C-alpha cells in the first residue's frame, strides 16, 4: 500500500503546491518550492501553524522590506 499524502498538497510539474481551504481564513494557495513530498508536508504544517497564530492569537507576521518589494 502506498503512503497517503497530506490533503491540500498537489504536484504541478516537479514542484508541490498548496491549495487548502482554511475555516476563518479562506483559501490558501502557494508553492512549496520543493519536489520532495516530506519537505512539502513540513512546509504546509509550518504555514498552517503560522496562519493559526494569526487567526487565533492575533500574532502579526514579521515582514521584511525585501519581501514586500518582491510582492
Protein backbone atom coordinates (compact mmCIF):
# COMPACT_ATOMS: atom_id res chain seq x y z
CA UNK A 1 0.00 0.00 0.00
CA UNK A 2 1.33 3.46 -0.89
CA UNK A 3 1.81 6.30 1.50
CA UNK A 4 -1.07 8.76 1.79
CA UNK A 5 -0.16 12.37 1.21
CA UNK A 6 -1.44 15.31 3.20
CA UNK A 7 -4.69 16.89 1.93
CA UNK A 8 -4.10 20.28 0.36
CA UNK A 9 -0.91 19.32 -1.49
CA UNK A 10 -0.80 18.73 -5.22
CA UNK A 11 2.10 18.26 -7.59
CA UNK A 12 2.40 20.50 -10.64
CA UNK A 13 5.38 19.56 -12.74
CA UNK A 14 8.24 18.84 -10.36
CA UNK A 15 7.07 21.09 -7.50
CA UNK A 16 4.46 20.56 -4.79
CA UNK A 17 1.86 23.31 -4.38
CA UNK A 18 -0.50 24.07 -1.50
CA UNK A 19 -4.20 24.69 -2.14
CA UNK A 20 -6.16 24.39 1.08
CA UNK A 21 -9.45 25.79 2.38
CA UNK A 22 -8.95 27.07 5.94
CA UNK A 23 -12.02 27.92 8.05
CA UNK A 24 -11.92 31.52 9.26
CA UNK A 25 -9.15 32.37 6.79
CA UNK A 26 -10.21 31.38 3.28
CA UNK A 27 -8.34 29.58 0.55
CA UNK A 28 -4.58 29.42 0.99
CA UNK A 29 -2.52 28.88 -2.17
CA UNK A 30 1.24 28.94 -2.63
CA UNK A 31 4.17 26.92 -3.92
CA UNK A 32 6.31 24.95 -1.52
CA UNK A 33 9.29 25.35 -3.83
CA UNK A 34 10.32 21.72 -3.49
CA UNK A 35 9.77 18.44 -5.25
CA UNK A 36 10.23 16.42 -2.04
CA UNK A 37 6.90 15.38 -0.51
CA UNK A 38 8.23 15.16 3.06
CA UNK A 39 9.68 18.67 2.88
CA UNK A 40 6.45 19.97 1.30
CA UNK A 41 4.42 18.46 4.15
CA UNK A 42 6.71 20.16 6.70
CA UNK A 43 6.29 23.49 4.90
CA UNK A 44 2.49 23.06 4.84
CA UNK A 45 2.50 22.31 8.57
CA UNK A 46 4.64 25.39 9.25
CA UNK A 47 2.35 27.66 7.19
CA UNK A 48 -0.81 26.26 8.84
CA UNK A 49 0.67 26.93 12.28
CA UNK A 50 1.60 30.46 11.20
CA UNK A 51 -1.97 31.09 9.98
CA UNK A 52 -3.37 29.62 13.22
CA UNK A 53 -1.23 32.01 15.28
CA UNK A 54 -2.54 34.91 13.20
CA UNK A 55 -6.22 33.99 13.36
CA UNK A 56 -6.42 32.67 16.93
CA UNK A 57 -3.88 34.78 18.80
CA UNK A 58 -3.63 37.85 16.56
CA UNK A 59 0.14 37.48 16.17
CA UNK A 60 1.26 39.56 13.22
CA UNK A 61 3.95 38.06 10.97
CA UNK A 62 7.34 39.73 10.72
CA UNK A 63 7.61 41.49 7.38
CA UNK A 64 10.86 42.41 5.70
CA UNK A 65 11.25 45.17 3.15
CA UNK A 66 12.78 42.81 0.58
CA UNK A 67 9.70 40.53 0.75
CA UNK A 68 7.34 43.48 0.42
CA UNK A 69 9.31 44.86 -2.53
CA UNK A 70 9.25 41.47 -4.26
CA UNK A 71 5.47 41.27 -3.94
